[in-house]
C-alpha atoms as a PDB file:
ATOM      1  CA  MET A   1      33.996 -64.940-115.675  1.00  0.00           C
ATOM      2  CA  LYS A   2      37.260 -66.248-115.339  1.00  0.00           C
ATOM      3  CA  ILE A   3      40.008 -64.705-113.365  1.00  0.00           C
ATOM      4  CA  THR A   4      43.809 -65.339-113.897  1.00  0.00           C
ATOM      5  CA  LEU A   5      46.481 -63.847-111.384  1.00  0.00           C
ATOM      6  CA  LEU A   6      49.150 -62.950-113.867  1.00  0.00           C
ATOM      7  CA  GLY A   7      51.651 -61.431-111.565  1.00  0.00           C
ATOM      8  CA  THR A   8      51.524 -62.546-107.791  1.00  0.00           C
ATOM      9  CA  GLY A   9      55.224 -60.733-107.047  1.00  0.00           C
ATOM     10  CA  SER A  10      55.780 -57.573-105.031  1.00  0.00           C
ATOM     11  CA  PRO A  11      58.142 -54.442-105.886  1.00  0.00           C
ATOM     12  CA  ILE A  12      61.167 -56.714-104.947  1.00  0.00           C
ATOM     13  CA  PRO A  13      62.110 -58.291-108.449  1.00  0.00           C
ATOM     14  CA  ASP A  14      61.450 -62.211-107.910  1.00  0.00           C
ATOM     15  CA  PRO A  15      62.763 -64.663-110.774  1.00  0.00           C
ATOM     16  CA  MET A  16      59.156 -66.661-110.004  1.00  0.00           C
ATOM     17  CA  ARG A  17      56.777 -64.080-110.125  1.00  0.00           C
ATOM     18  CA  ALA A  18      55.740 -60.953-112.257  1.00  0.00           C
ATOM     19  CA  GLY A  19      54.494 -58.102-110.809  1.00  0.00           C
ATOM     20  CA  PRO A  20      51.188 -57.356-109.620  1.00  0.00           C
ATOM     21  CA  CYS A  21      48.413 -58.132-112.406  1.00  0.00           C
ATOM     22  CA  THR A  22      45.023 -59.763-112.774  1.00  0.00           C
ATOM     23  CA  LEU A  23      43.287 -60.876-115.538  1.00  0.00           C
ATOM     24  CA  VAL A  24      39.123 -60.619-115.966  1.00  0.00           C
ATOM     25  CA  GLN A  25      37.682 -62.296-118.813  1.00  0.00           C
ATOM     26  CA  ALA A  26      34.061 -62.353-119.152  1.00  0.00           C
ATOM     27  CA  GLY A  27      31.761 -61.305-122.345  1.00  0.00           C
ATOM     28  CA  GLY A  28      34.764 -61.526-124.998  1.00  0.00           C
ATOM     29  CA  GLU A  29      36.794 -58.951-123.070  1.00  0.00           C
ATOM     30  CA  ASN A  30      40.041 -59.159-121.803  1.00  0.00           C
ATOM     31  CA  VAL A  31      40.795 -56.506-118.770  1.00  0.00           C
ATOM     32  CA  MET A  32      43.895 -56.531-116.912  1.00  0.00           C
ATOM     33  CA  VAL A  33      43.937 -54.914-113.482  1.00  0.00           C
ATOM     34  CA  ASP A  34      47.025 -53.000-113.139  1.00  0.00           C
ATOM     35  CA  CYS A  35      50.204 -54.113-115.043  1.00  0.00           C
ATOM     36  CA  GLY A  36      53.456 -54.825-113.208  1.00  0.00           C
ATOM     37  CA  ARG A  37      56.656 -56.058-114.286  1.00  0.00           C
ATOM     38  CA  GLY A  38      56.718 -59.037-116.308  1.00  0.00           C
ATOM     39  CA  ALA A  39      52.858 -58.976-117.030  1.00  0.00           C
ATOM     40  CA  LEU A  40      52.935 -59.289-120.883  1.00  0.00           C
ATOM     41  CA  MET A  41      54.821 -62.411-120.713  1.00  0.00           C
ATOM     42  CA  ARG A  42      52.420 -63.932-118.095  1.00  0.00           C
ATOM     43  CA  LEU A  43      49.635 -62.553-120.365  1.00  0.00           C
ATOM     44  CA  MET A  44      51.192 -64.396-123.400  1.00  0.00           C
ATOM     45  CA  ALA A  45      51.514 -67.655-121.611  1.00  0.00           C
ATOM     46  CA  ALA A  46      47.729 -67.182-120.357  1.00  0.00           C
ATOM     47  CA  GLY A  47      47.103 -67.616-124.122  1.00  0.00           C
ATOM     48  CA  VAL A  48      46.301 -63.873-124.776  1.00  0.00           C
ATOM     49  CA  PHE A  49      47.930 -61.509-127.045  1.00  0.00           C
ATOM     50  CA  PRO A  50      48.110 -58.162-125.806  1.00  0.00           C
ATOM     51  CA  GLY A  51      45.861 -56.993-128.807  1.00  0.00           C
ATOM     52  CA  MET A  52      43.178 -58.969-127.063  1.00  0.00           C
ATOM     53  CA  VAL A  53      43.349 -56.649-124.066  1.00  0.00           C
ATOM     54  CA  SER A  54      41.158 -53.850-124.836  1.00  0.00           C
ATOM     55  CA  THR A  55      41.323 -52.194-120.943  1.00  0.00           C
ATOM     56  CA  CYS A  56      43.746 -51.935-118.216  1.00  0.00           C
ATOM     57  CA  LEU A  57      42.319 -51.031-114.987  1.00  0.00           C
ATOM     58  CA  VAL A  58      44.690 -49.133-112.722  1.00  0.00           C
ATOM     59  CA  THR A  59      44.534 -49.215-109.062  1.00  0.00           C
ATOM     60  CA  HIS A  60      46.999 -46.862-107.933  1.00  0.00           C
ATOM     61  CA  LEU A  61      50.294 -45.268-109.434  1.00  0.00           C
ATOM     62  CA  HIS A  62      52.686 -46.977-107.473  1.00  0.00           C
ATOM     63  CA  SER A  63      55.606 -48.118-109.735  1.00  0.00           C
ATOM     64  CA  ASP A  64      55.339 -51.790-109.335  1.00  0.00           C
ATOM     65  CA  HIS A  65      51.708 -51.586-110.567  1.00  0.00           C
ATOM     66  CA  ILE A  66      52.372 -49.885-113.743  1.00  0.00           C
ATOM     67  CA  THR A  67      56.134 -50.960-114.446  1.00  0.00           C
ATOM     68  CA  ASP A  68      54.527 -52.965-117.929  1.00  0.00           C
ATOM     69  CA  LEU A  69      52.013 -50.299-118.988  1.00  0.00           C
ATOM     70  CA  ASN A  70      54.275 -48.867-121.597  1.00  0.00           C
ATOM     71  CA  ASP A  71      55.083 -52.692-122.758  1.00  0.00           C
ATOM     72  CA  LEU A  72      50.946 -53.195-123.082  1.00  0.00           C
ATOM     73  CA  VAL A  73      50.745 -49.964-124.888  1.00  0.00           C
ATOM     74  CA  THR A  74      53.776 -50.380-127.647  1.00  0.00           C
ATOM     75  CA  SER A  75      53.293 -54.087-127.980  1.00  0.00           C
ATOM     76  CA  ARG A  76      49.420 -53.976-129.051  1.00  0.00           C
ATOM     77  CA  TRP A  77      50.404 -50.887-131.303  1.00  0.00           C
ATOM     78  CA  VAL A  78      53.172 -52.583-132.990  1.00  0.00           C
ATOM     79  CA  MET A  79      51.315 -56.116-133.561  1.00  0.00           C
ATOM     80  CA  MET A  80      47.944 -54.827-134.693  1.00  0.00           C
ATOM     81  CA  PRO A  81      47.035 -54.366-138.146  1.00  0.00           C
ATOM     82  CA  VAL A  82      44.617 -51.727-136.859  1.00  0.00           C
ATOM     83  CA  ASN A  83      45.497 -48.862-134.513  1.00  0.00           C
ATOM     84  CA  VAL A  84      42.747 -49.625-131.617  1.00  0.00           C
ATOM     85  CA  PRO A  85      43.804 -47.319-128.934  1.00  0.00           C
ATOM     86  CA  LEU A  86      43.928 -49.210-125.187  1.00  0.00           C
ATOM     87  CA  ARG A  87      41.769 -47.732-122.797  1.00  0.00           C
ATOM     88  CA  VAL A  88      43.279 -46.898-119.712  1.00  0.00           C
ATOM     89  CA  ILE A  89      41.070 -46.267-116.577  1.00  0.00           C
ATOM     90  CA  GLY A  90      42.638 -45.178-113.349  1.00  0.00           C
ATOM     91  CA  PRO A  91      42.530 -42.504-110.661  1.00  0.00           C
ATOM     92  CA  PRO A  92      43.357 -38.925-111.020  1.00  0.00           C
ATOM     93  CA  GLY A  93      47.232 -38.544-112.122  1.00  0.00           C
ATOM     94  CA  ILE A  94      46.887 -41.349-114.629  1.00  0.00           C
ATOM     95  CA  ARG A  95      46.796 -39.154-117.358  1.00  0.00           C
ATOM     96  CA  ALA A  96      49.802 -37.279-116.745  1.00  0.00           C
ATOM     97  CA  VAL A  97      51.487 -40.711-116.207  1.00  0.00           C
ATOM     98  CA  VAL A  98      50.186 -41.643-119.557  1.00  0.00           C
ATOM     99  CA  ASP A  99      51.395 -38.787-121.305  1.00  0.00           C
ATOM    100  CA  ALA A 100      54.576 -38.773-120.106  1.00  0.00           C
ATOM    101  CA  MET A 101      54.844 -42.203-121.266  1.00  0.00           C
ATOM    102  CA  LEU A 102      53.990 -41.378-124.542  1.00  0.00           C
ATOM    103  CA  GLN A 103      56.688 -38.695-124.409  1.00  0.00           C
ATOM    104  CA  MET A 104      59.201 -41.465-123.226  1.00  0.00           C
ATOM    105  CA  LEU A 105      58.036 -43.479-126.285  1.00  0.00           C
ATOM    106  CA  SER A 106      58.037 -41.173-129.002  1.00  0.00           C
ATOM    107  CA  PRO A 107      61.634 -42.260-130.152  1.00  0.00           C
ATOM    108  CA  ASP A 108      60.731 -45.476-130.586  1.00  0.00           C
ATOM    109  CA  GLN A 109      57.478 -44.433-132.398  1.00  0.00           C
ATOM    110  CA  GLN A 110      59.500 -42.184-134.875  1.00  0.00           C
ATOM    111  CA  TYR A 111      61.817 -44.984-135.913  1.00  0.00           C
ATOM    112  CA  ARG A 112      58.720 -47.338-135.960  1.00  0.00           C
ATOM    113  CA  HIS A 113      57.052 -45.052-138.220  1.00  0.00           C
ATOM    114  CA  ASP A 114      59.873 -44.398-140.350  1.00  0.00           C
ATOM    115  CA  HIS A 115      60.448 -48.225-141.090  1.00  0.00           C
ATOM    116  CA  HIS A 116      57.145 -49.249-141.666  1.00  0.00           C
ATOM    117  CA  ASP A 117      54.913 -47.587-144.052  1.00  0.00           C
ATOM    118  CA  ASP A 118      51.558 -49.683-143.299  1.00  0.00           C
ATOM    119  CA  LEU A 119      52.297 -48.428-139.338  1.00  0.00           C
ATOM    120  CA  ARG A 120      52.475 -45.165-140.206  1.00  0.00           C
ATOM    121  CA  ALA A 121      49.485 -45.116-141.940  1.00  0.00           C
ATOM    122  CA  ASN A 122      47.663 -46.369-139.000  1.00  0.00           C
ATOM    123  CA  GLY A 123      48.288 -43.190-136.905  1.00  0.00           C
ATOM    124  CA  PRO A 124      50.183 -41.847-134.055  1.00  0.00           C
ATOM    125  CA  LEU A 125      50.444 -44.212-130.838  1.00  0.00           C
ATOM    126  CA  THR A 126      47.273 -43.128-128.643  1.00  0.00           C
ATOM    127  CA  VAL A 127      45.845 -44.189-125.325  1.00  0.00           C
ATOM    128  CA  ASN A 128      42.190 -43.606-124.583  1.00  0.00           C
ATOM    129  CA  VAL A 129      42.725 -42.433-120.584  1.00  0.00           C
ATOM    130  CA  GLU A 130      39.715 -42.417-118.309  1.00  0.00           C
ATOM    131  CA  GLU A 131      40.031 -40.678-114.743  1.00  0.00           C
ATOM    132  CA  VAL A 132      37.693 -41.792-112.293  1.00  0.00           C
ATOM    133  CA  GLN A 133      36.622 -41.385-108.635  1.00  0.00           C
ATOM    134  CA  PRO A 134      34.626 -43.737-106.395  1.00  0.00           C
ATOM    135  CA  GLY A 135      31.056 -43.603-107.120  1.00  0.00           C
ATOM    136  CA  ASP A 136      31.884 -43.599-111.052  1.00  0.00           C
ATOM    137  CA  SER A 137      30.652 -46.312-113.207  1.00  0.00           C
ATOM    138  CA  PHE A 138      31.474 -47.526-116.841  1.00  0.00           C
ATOM    139  CA  THR A 139      31.093 -50.545-119.143  1.00  0.00           C
ATOM    140  CA  ILE A 140      33.491 -52.415-121.051  1.00  0.00           C
ATOM    141  CA  GLY A 141      31.534 -54.145-123.590  1.00  0.00           C
ATOM    142  CA  ALA A 142      28.896 -56.667-121.673  1.00  0.00           C
ATOM    143  CA  MET A 143      30.695 -56.002-118.206  1.00  0.00           C
ATOM    144  CA  SER A 144      29.672 -53.275-116.027  1.00  0.00           C
ATOM    145  CA  GLY A 145      32.080 -51.875-113.520  1.00  0.00           C
ATOM    146  CA  THR A 146      32.169 -49.588-110.519  1.00  0.00           C
ATOM    147  CA  VAL A 147      34.818 -47.463-108.982  1.00  0.00           C
ATOM    148  CA  HIS A 148      35.139 -47.481-105.201  1.00  0.00           C
ATOM    149  CA  GLU A 149      37.530 -45.936-102.340  1.00  0.00           C
ATOM    150  CA  THR A 150      40.531 -47.702-100.961  1.00  0.00           C
ATOM    151  CA  ASP A 151      42.860 -46.824 -97.997  1.00  0.00           C
ATOM    152  CA  HIS A 152      46.407 -47.027 -99.232  1.00  0.00           C
ATOM    153  CA  ARG A 153      47.561 -43.561 -97.340  1.00  0.00           C
ATOM    154  CA  PRO A 154      49.920 -42.095 -97.796  1.00  0.00           C
ATOM    155  CA  VAL A 155      49.358 -42.788-101.387  1.00  0.00           C
ATOM    156  CA  ARG A 156      46.062 -40.829-102.904  1.00  0.00           C
ATOM    157  CA  PRO A 157      44.186 -41.667-104.552  1.00  0.00           C
ATOM    158  CA  SER A 158      43.876 -45.224-104.567  1.00  0.00           C
ATOM    159  CA  ILE A 159      40.628 -47.248-105.997  1.00  0.00           C
ATOM    160  CA  GLY A 160      39.267 -50.794-106.656  1.00  0.00           C
ATOM    161  CA  PHE A 161      36.836 -52.099-109.012  1.00  0.00           C
ATOM    162  CA  ARG A 162      33.866 -54.014-108.989  1.00  0.00           C
ATOM    163  CA  LEU A 163      32.928 -55.881-112.083  1.00  0.00           C
ATOM    164  CA  GLU A 164      29.888 -57.474-113.067  1.00  0.00           C
ATOM    165  CA  HIS A 165      29.026 -60.049-115.946  1.00  0.00           C
ATOM    166  CA  ASP A 166      26.305 -62.200-116.590  1.00  0.00           C
ATOM    167  CA  GLY A 167      25.339 -62.325-112.953  1.00  0.00           C
ATOM    168  CA  LYS A 168      28.847 -62.979-111.671  1.00  0.00           C
ATOM    169  CA  VAL A 169      30.815 -60.081-109.412  1.00  0.00           C
ATOM    170  CA  VAL A 170      34.051 -60.336-109.002  1.00  0.00           C
ATOM    171  CA  ALA A 171      35.868 -57.383-106.500  1.00  0.00           C
ATOM    172  CA  LEU A 172      39.330 -56.356-107.386  1.00  0.00           C
ATOM    173  CA  ALA A 173      41.349 -54.389-104.777  1.00  0.00           C
ATOM    174  CA  GLY A 174      44.869 -53.045-105.257  1.00  0.00           C
ATOM    175  CA  ASP A 175      47.045 -52.349-102.027  1.00  0.00           C
ATOM    176  CA  THR A 176      44.827 -50.828 -98.978  1.00  0.00           C
ATOM    177  CA  VAL A 177      44.021 -51.741 -95.715  1.00  0.00           C
ATOM    178  CA  PRO A 178      40.576 -52.723 -94.573  1.00  0.00           C
ATOM    179  CA  CYS A 179      38.015 -49.823 -95.199  1.00  0.00           C
ATOM    180  CA  ALA A 180      34.278 -49.053 -95.760  1.00  0.00           C
ATOM    181  CA  GLY A 181      34.947 -48.591 -99.427  1.00  0.00           C
ATOM    182  CA  VAL A 182      36.844 -51.920 -99.457  1.00  0.00           C
ATOM    183  CA  ASP A 183      33.658 -53.708 -97.815  1.00  0.00           C
ATOM    184  CA  GLU A 184      31.188 -52.091-100.469  1.00  0.00           C
ATOM    185  CA  MET A 185      33.076 -52.956-102.905  1.00  0.00           C
ATOM    186  CA  CYS A 186      33.129 -56.798-101.756  1.00  0.00           C
ATOM    187  CA  ARG A 187      29.483 -56.878-100.755  1.00  0.00           C
ATOM    188  CA  ASN A 188      28.279 -60.479-101.513  1.00  0.00           C
ATOM    189  CA  ALA A 189      30.712 -60.574-104.563  1.00  0.00           C
ATOM    190  CA  ASP A 190      31.342 -64.153-106.187  1.00  0.00           C
ATOM    191  CA  ALA A 191      34.999 -63.305-105.764  1.00  0.00           C
ATOM    192  CA  TYR A 192      37.627 -60.758-104.149  1.00  0.00           C
ATOM    193  CA  VAL A 193      40.636 -60.333-105.382  1.00  0.00           C
ATOM    194  CA  GLN A 194      43.261 -58.808-102.314  1.00  0.00           C
ATOM    195  CA  THR A 195      46.719 -58.059-102.379  1.00  0.00           C
ATOM    196  CA  VAL A 196      48.286 -59.026 -99.185  1.00  0.00           C
ATOM    197  CA  ILE A 197      51.095 -59.324 -97.110  1.00  0.00           C
ATOM    198  CA  ARG A 198      52.192 -61.076 -94.134  1.00  0.00           C
ATOM    199  CA  HIS A 199      52.659 -58.979 -91.161  1.00  0.00           C
ATOM    200  CA  ASP A 200      54.340 -61.415 -89.088  1.00  0.00           C
ATOM    201  CA  LEU A 201      57.038 -62.841 -91.447  1.00  0.00           C
ATOM    202  CA  VAL A 202      57.529 -58.918 -92.550  1.00  0.00           C
ATOM    203  CA  SER A 203      57.897 -57.971 -88.603  1.00  0.00           C
ATOM    204  CA  ALA A 204      60.397 -60.554 -88.211  1.00  0.00           C
ATOM    205  CA  LEU A 205      62.482 -59.336 -91.201  1.00  0.00           C
ATOM    206  CA  ALA A 206      62.398 -55.819 -90.138  1.00  0.00           C
ATOM    207  CA  ASP A 207      63.459 -57.032 -86.939  1.00  0.00           C
ATOM    208  CA  ALA A 208      66.467 -58.968 -88.421  1.00  0.00           C
ATOM    209  CA  LEU A 209      67.665 -55.961 -90.936  1.00  0.00           C
ATOM    210  CA  PRO A 210      70.219 -53.543 -89.311  1.00  0.00           C
ATOM    211  CA  ASN A 211      67.620 -50.852 -90.435  1.00  0.00           C
ATOM    212  CA  GLY A 212      64.356 -52.164 -90.913  1.00  0.00           C
ATOM    213  CA  GLN A 213      62.171 -49.457 -90.605  1.00  0.00           C
ATOM    214  CA  ARG A 214      61.652 -49.121 -94.585  1.00  0.00           C
ATOM    215  CA  MET A 215      60.361 -52.513 -94.291  1.00  0.00           C
ATOM    216  CA  ARG A 216      58.428 -52.313 -91.205  1.00  0.00           C
ATOM    217  CA  ASP A 217      56.587 -49.130 -93.308  1.00  0.00           C
ATOM    218  CA  ILE A 218      54.892 -51.287 -95.196  1.00  0.00           C
ATOM    219  CA  LEU A 219      52.908 -53.074 -92.272  1.00  0.00           C
ATOM    220  CA  ASP A 220      50.375 -49.974 -92.207  1.00  0.00           C
ATOM    221  CA  TYR A 221      48.985 -49.608 -95.681  1.00  0.00           C
ATOM    222  CA  HIS A 222      48.923 -53.386 -96.926  1.00  0.00           C
ATOM    223  CA  SER A 223      45.857 -55.922 -95.891  1.00  0.00           C
ATOM    224  CA  SER A 224      47.515 -58.754 -94.056  1.00  0.00           C
ATOM    225  CA  VAL A 225      46.159 -62.305 -94.896  1.00  0.00           C
ATOM    226  CA  GLU A 226      44.102 -62.245 -91.837  1.00  0.00           C
ATOM    227  CA  GLN A 227      42.467 -58.793 -92.738  1.00  0.00           C
ATOM    228  CA  ALA A 228      41.689 -59.713 -96.097  1.00  0.00           C
ATOM    229  CA  ALA A 229      40.051 -63.052 -95.125  1.00  0.00           C
ATOM    230  CA  GLN A 230      37.917 -60.800 -92.314  1.00  0.00           C
ATOM    231  CA  THR A 231      37.014 -58.432 -95.485  1.00  0.00           C
ATOM    232  CA  ALA A 232      35.943 -61.495 -97.144  1.00  0.00           C
ATOM    233  CA  ALA A 233      33.709 -62.875 -94.535  1.00  0.00           C
ATOM    234  CA  ARG A 234      32.147 -59.503 -93.264  1.00  0.00           C
ATOM    235  CA  ALA A 235      31.286 -58.909 -96.605  1.00  0.00           C
ATOM    236  CA  GLY A 236      29.853 -62.217 -97.462  1.00  0.00           C
ATOM    237  CA  VAL A 237      32.309 -63.006-100.540  1.00  0.00           C
ATOM    238  CA  LYS A 238      32.097 -66.552-101.708  1.00  0.00           C
ATOM    239  CA  ASN A 239      35.748 -66.819-103.233  1.00  0.00           C
ATOM    240  CA  LEU A 240      38.690 -65.196-101.526  1.00  0.00           C
ATOM    241  CA  VAL A 241      41.550 -64.757-103.978  1.00  0.00           C
ATOM    242  CA  LEU A 242      45.116 -64.042-102.559  1.00  0.00           C
ATOM    243  CA  THR A 243      47.914 -62.141-104.407  1.00  0.00           C
ATOM    244  CA  HIS A 244      51.042 -59.696-104.272  1.00  0.00           C
ATOM    245  CA  TYR A 245      52.706 -61.942-101.536  1.00  0.00           C
ATOM    246  CA  VAL A 246      55.179 -60.102 -99.281  1.00  0.00           C
ATOM    247  CA  PRO A 247      57.645 -61.671 -98.512  1.00  0.00           C
ATOM    248  CA  PRO A 248      57.580 -64.118-101.276  1.00  0.00           C
ATOM    249  CA  MET A 249      55.565 -66.878-100.824  1.00  0.00           C
ATOM    250  CA  ALA A 250      57.539 -70.503-101.263  1.00  0.00           C
ATOM    251  CA  PRO A 251      55.625 -73.279-102.892  1.00  0.00           C
ATOM    252  CA  ASP A 252      55.872 -75.318 -99.538  1.00  0.00           C
ATOM    253  CA  GLN A 253      54.696 -72.452 -97.334  1.00  0.00           C
ATOM    254  CA  GLN A 254      51.036 -72.414 -99.561  1.00  0.00           C
ATOM    255  CA  ASP A 255      49.416 -74.280 -96.778  1.00  0.00           C
ATOM    256  CA  ASP A 256      50.276 -71.789 -93.967  1.00  0.00           C
ATOM    257  CA  TRP A 257      49.385 -69.012 -95.790  1.00  0.00           C
ATOM    258  CA  LYS A 258      45.927 -70.711 -96.363  1.00  0.00           C
ATOM    259  CA  ALA A 259      45.444 -71.614 -93.131  1.00  0.00           C
ATOM    260  CA  GLN A 260      45.991 -67.688 -92.007  1.00  0.00           C
ATOM    261  CA  ALA A 261      43.013 -67.201 -94.273  1.00  0.00           C
ATOM    262  CA  THR A 262      40.713 -70.126 -93.439  1.00  0.00           C
ATOM    263  CA  ALA A 263      40.990 -69.303 -89.481  1.00  0.00           C
ATOM    264  CA  HIS A 264      38.952 -66.083 -90.296  1.00  0.00           C
ATOM    265  CA  PHE A 265      37.024 -67.431 -94.078  1.00  0.00           C
ATOM    266  CA  SER A 266      34.966 -70.661 -94.230  1.00  0.00           C
ATOM    267  CA  GLY A 267      34.749 -70.237 -97.872  1.00  0.00           C
ATOM    268  CA  PRO A 268      37.526 -71.287-100.812  1.00  0.00           C
ATOM    269  CA  VAL A 269      40.649 -69.200-100.890  1.00  0.00           C
ATOM    270  CA  ILE A 270      42.577 -69.237-104.012  1.00  0.00           C
ATOM    271  CA  LEU A 271      46.284 -68.561-104.050  1.00  0.00           C
ATOM    272  CA  GLY A 272      49.813 -69.892-105.646  1.00  0.00           C
ATOM    273  CA  PRO A 273      51.918 -69.519-108.493  1.00  0.00           C
ATOM    274  CA  ASP A 274      51.666 -67.028-111.229  1.00  0.00           C
ATOM    275  CA  LEU A 275      48.578 -67.977-113.461  1.00  0.00           C
ATOM    276  CA  THR A 276      46.807 -69.369-110.833  1.00  0.00           C
ATOM    277  CA  SER A 277      43.049 -68.951-111.759  1.00  0.00           C
ATOM    278  CA  LEU A 278      39.462 -69.268-111.002  1.00  0.00           C
ATOM    279  CA  GLU A 279      36.343 -69.536-113.038  1.00  0.00           C
ATOM    280  CA  LEU A 280      33.008 -68.486-111.840  1.00  0.00           C
END
């Protein structure tokens, strides 16, 4: 299995980081977990064409995690010689989001059908949506997956995914604080991918702003670097992969971020710019 951080950014636009998105490759399958701003540009930089992505797993419906989903859908459709619908697996509510997205894309679909006979012959733009809940399981080719509850309240529902292939396991959480569902998902995993914030830096930014409450609010529903490391240690994880850095992590700050994790977790800690990867 190979894990690539396609996007390590946050809701705030960043010229150096795409929005939240992780690529998992195993058994000939390319799976995107969330699909944030600029994810498709990073996908191409990783050497994967949109049509090579079979499935997109969605952890929750915050806009920064699904901004590029429409780009993934349309790019696959116009670039592939045969219409193979994207499979989207996510929490309840994802079907309504995709239906609204397809409605938004209907003028574009009509324009392209009017212009391209072969695209029209392939049929309408379609997406195969599966709404899942904690406890559900699924397969993607030779890869197996299970769905786990996370805690991103007041965002409900929010979920994480545990993917397994050829004896290797990767646990992928979206935005969440530590909880029993994340512990279960991570148990003895070879890698645990977690979105993180720096409580100390966010608190300092909030204190410096004239009205910093909106910034301070994010502290109560995201894992800190320390909390992610504690979860990894508690669950017996082999590798901790950090992403979705808030505030943005400058290159000369990587050692500082890593030190906060290694104080609680003795295994390898992987973090860095977009396209940072780990092979299991």
